[in-house]
Amino acid sequence: MARPREHIVANLEALYREAHGRAQAVADQAEMARLDFGFRRDQLYLEVLLDVRELLAPAPASPEVQKGDKSVLEQISNLRDLTRLPFGR
């Protein structure tokens, strides 16, 4: 089971807040700026990856589909059989 988007983003934010707090404690402005940029960049990458994950996830079965219904491939095969010319049969 995949972790929820909010949980993953919250973990990323917690990591960066901790690192930013350490840099702030020693007044390292360059490190704080680097962390700020890195956080925004990583957050963008993560959002893209999570969007791809959602797109690749199998779609939930619709409640309308019943066991007797044919799959899309079976329906296409039946249509192809209907359009075949009777030659060679």
C-alpha atoms as a PDB file:
ATOM      1  CA  MET A   1       0.000   0.000   0.000  1.00  0.00           C
ATOM      2  CA  ALA A   2       1.425   3.345  -1.010  1.00  0.00           C
ATOM      3  CA  ARG A   3       1.822   6.021   1.615  1.00  0.00           C
ATOM      4  CA  PRO A   4      -0.522   9.010   1.291  1.00  0.00           C
ATOM      5  CA  ARG A   5       0.784  12.126  -0.444  1.00  0.00           C
ATOM      6  CA  GLU A   6       0.312  14.268   2.669  1.00  0.00           C
ATOM      7  CA  HIS A   7       2.396  11.882   4.781  1.00  0.00           C
ATOM      8  CA  ILE A   8       5.306  11.932   2.315  1.00  0.00           C
ATOM      9  CA  VAL A   9       5.265  15.725   1.946  1.00  0.00           C
ATOM     10  CA  ALA A  10       5.071  16.136   5.742  1.00  0.00           C
ATOM     11  CA  ASN A  11       8.135  13.898   6.178  1.00  0.00           C
ATOM     12  CA  LEU A  12      10.081  15.952   3.630  1.00  0.00           C
ATOM     13  CA  GLU A  13       9.092  19.173   5.375  1.00  0.00           C
ATOM     14  CA  ALA A  14      10.094  17.800   8.792  1.00  0.00           C
ATOM     15  CA  LEU A  15      13.553  16.859   7.496  1.00  0.00           C
ATOM     16  CA  TYR A  16      14.140  20.306   6.044  1.00  0.00           C
ATOM     17  CA  ARG A  17      12.799  22.120   9.111  1.00  0.00           C
ATOM     18  CA  GLU A  18      15.224  20.177  11.303  1.00  0.00           C
ATOM     19  CA  ALA A  19      18.197  20.975   9.042  1.00  0.00           C
ATOM     20  CA  HIS A  20      17.111  24.617   8.730  1.00  0.00           C
ATOM     21  CA  GLY A  21      16.859  24.880  12.516  1.00  0.00           C
ATOM     22  CA  ARG A  22      20.424  23.618  12.911  1.00  0.00           C
ATOM     23  CA  ALA A  23      21.684  26.138  10.332  1.00  0.00           C
ATOM     24  CA  GLN A  24      19.722  28.927  12.016  1.00  0.00           C
ATOM     25  CA  ALA A  25      21.175  28.014  15.418  1.00  0.00           C
ATOM     26  CA  VAL A  26      24.690  28.713  14.134  1.00  0.00           C
ATOM     27  CA  ALA A  27      23.537  31.702  12.038  1.00  0.00           C
ATOM     28  CA  ASP A  28      24.713  30.120   8.773  1.00  0.00           C
ATOM     29  CA  GLN A  29      22.870  32.277   6.222  1.00  0.00           C
ATOM     30  CA  ALA A  30      24.389  30.505   3.214  1.00  0.00           C
ATOM     31  CA  GLU A  31      23.282  27.094   4.495  1.00  0.00           C
ATOM     32  CA  MET A  32      19.774  28.382   5.231  1.00  0.00           C
ATOM     33  CA  ALA A  33      19.509  29.773   1.685  1.00  0.00           C
ATOM     34  CA  ARG A  34      20.804  26.500   0.228  1.00  0.00           C
ATOM     35  CA  LEU A  35      18.321  24.499   2.291  1.00  0.00           C
ATOM     36  CA  ASP A  36      15.456  26.789   1.283  1.00  0.00           C
ATOM     37  CA  PHE A  37      16.239  26.350  -2.402  1.00  0.00           C
ATOM     38  CA  GLY A  38      16.800  22.604  -1.963  1.00  0.00           C
ATOM     39  CA  PHE A  39      13.495  22.184  -0.172  1.00  0.00           C
ATOM     40  CA  ARG A  40      11.522  23.948  -2.891  1.00  0.00           C
ATOM     41  CA  ARG A  41      13.325  21.976  -5.619  1.00  0.00           C
ATOM     42  CA  ASP A  42      12.840  18.629  -3.853  1.00  0.00           C
ATOM     43  CA  GLN A  43       9.206  19.425  -3.119  1.00  0.00           C
ATOM     44  CA  LEU A  44       8.612  20.087  -6.816  1.00  0.00           C
ATOM     45  CA  TYR A  45      10.351  16.833  -7.810  1.00  0.00           C
ATOM     46  CA  LEU A  46       8.376  14.931  -5.210  1.00  0.00           C
ATOM     47  CA  GLU A  47       5.061  16.372  -6.391  1.00  0.00           C
ATOM     48  CA  VAL A  48       5.873  15.307  -9.955  1.00  0.00           C
ATOM     49  CA  LEU A  49       6.800  11.794  -8.836  1.00  0.00           C
ATOM     50  CA  LEU A  50       3.625  11.496  -6.785  1.00  0.00           C
ATOM     51  CA  ASP A  51       1.568  12.645  -9.773  1.00  0.00           C
ATOM     52  CA  VAL A  52       3.248   9.984 -11.926  1.00  0.00           C
ATOM     53  CA  ARG A  53       2.566   7.394  -9.222  1.00  0.00           C
ATOM     54  CA  GLU A  54      -1.123   8.306  -9.257  1.00  0.00           C
ATOM     55  CA  LEU A  55      -1.254   8.111 -13.047  1.00  0.00           C
ATOM     56  CA  LEU A  56       0.362   4.664 -13.085  1.00  0.00           C
ATOM     57  CA  ALA A  57      -1.778   3.262 -10.273  1.00  0.00           C
ATOM     58  CA  PRO A  58      -4.481   0.867 -11.401  1.00  0.00           C
ATOM     59  CA  ALA A  59      -7.904   2.439 -11.570  1.00  0.00           C
ATOM     60  CA  PRO A  60     -10.368   1.165  -8.982  1.00  0.00           C
ATOM     61  CA  ALA A  61     -12.987  -1.185 -10.355  1.00  0.00           C
ATOM     62  CA  SER A  62     -16.193   0.634 -11.091  1.00  0.00           C
ATOM     63  CA  PRO A  63     -19.289  -0.679  -9.334  1.00  0.00           C
ATOM     64  CA  GLU A  64     -21.057  -0.948 -12.697  1.00  0.00           C
ATOM     65  CA  VAL A  65     -18.772  -3.747 -13.913  1.00  0.00           C
ATOM     66  CA  GLN A  66     -20.331  -7.122 -13.347  1.00  0.00           C
ATOM     67  CA  LYS A  67     -18.747 -10.541 -13.649  1.00  0.00           C
ATOM     68  CA  GLY A  68     -20.623 -11.272 -16.872  1.00  0.00           C
ATOM     69  CA  ASP A  69     -19.302  -8.152 -18.618  1.00  0.00           C
ATOM     70  CA  LYS A  70     -16.638  -8.626 -21.261  1.00  0.00           C
ATOM     71  CA  SER A  71     -13.261  -6.975 -21.097  1.00  0.00           C
ATOM     72  CA  VAL A  72     -12.355  -4.269 -23.583  1.00  0.00           C
ATOM     73  CA  LEU A  73     -10.081  -6.695 -25.442  1.00  0.00           C
ATOM     74  CA  GLU A  74     -12.898  -9.220 -25.763  1.00  0.00           C
ATOM     75  CA  GLN A  75     -15.220  -6.515 -27.071  1.00  0.00           C
ATOM     76  CA  ILE A  76     -12.640  -5.411 -29.652  1.00  0.00           C
ATOM     77  CA  SER A  77     -12.102  -9.005 -30.732  1.00  0.00           C
ATOM     78  CA  ASN A  78     -15.853  -9.481 -31.174  1.00  0.00           C
ATOM     79  CA  LEU A  79     -16.099  -6.303 -33.264  1.00  0.00           C
ATOM     80  CA  ARG A  80     -13.190  -7.431 -35.405  1.00  0.00           C
ATOM     81  CA  ASP A  81     -14.893 -10.797 -35.964  1.00  0.00           C
ATOM     82  CA  LEU A  82     -18.064  -9.008 -37.080  1.00  0.00           C
ATOM     83  CA  THR A  83     -16.219  -6.945 -39.669  1.00  0.00           C
ATOM     84  CA  ARG A  84     -14.226  -9.805 -41.216  1.00  0.00           C
ATOM     85  CA  LEU A  85     -15.154 -10.816 -44.704  1.00  0.00           C
ATOM     86  CA  PRO A  86     -16.490 -14.369 -45.032  1.00  0.00           C
ATOM     87  CA  PHE A  87     -13.716 -15.346 -47.483  1.00  0.00           C
ATOM     88  CA  GLY A  88     -11.546 -18.186 -46.293  1.00  0.00           C
ATOM     89  CA  ARG A  89     -13.807 -19.390 -43.521  1.00  0.00           C
END
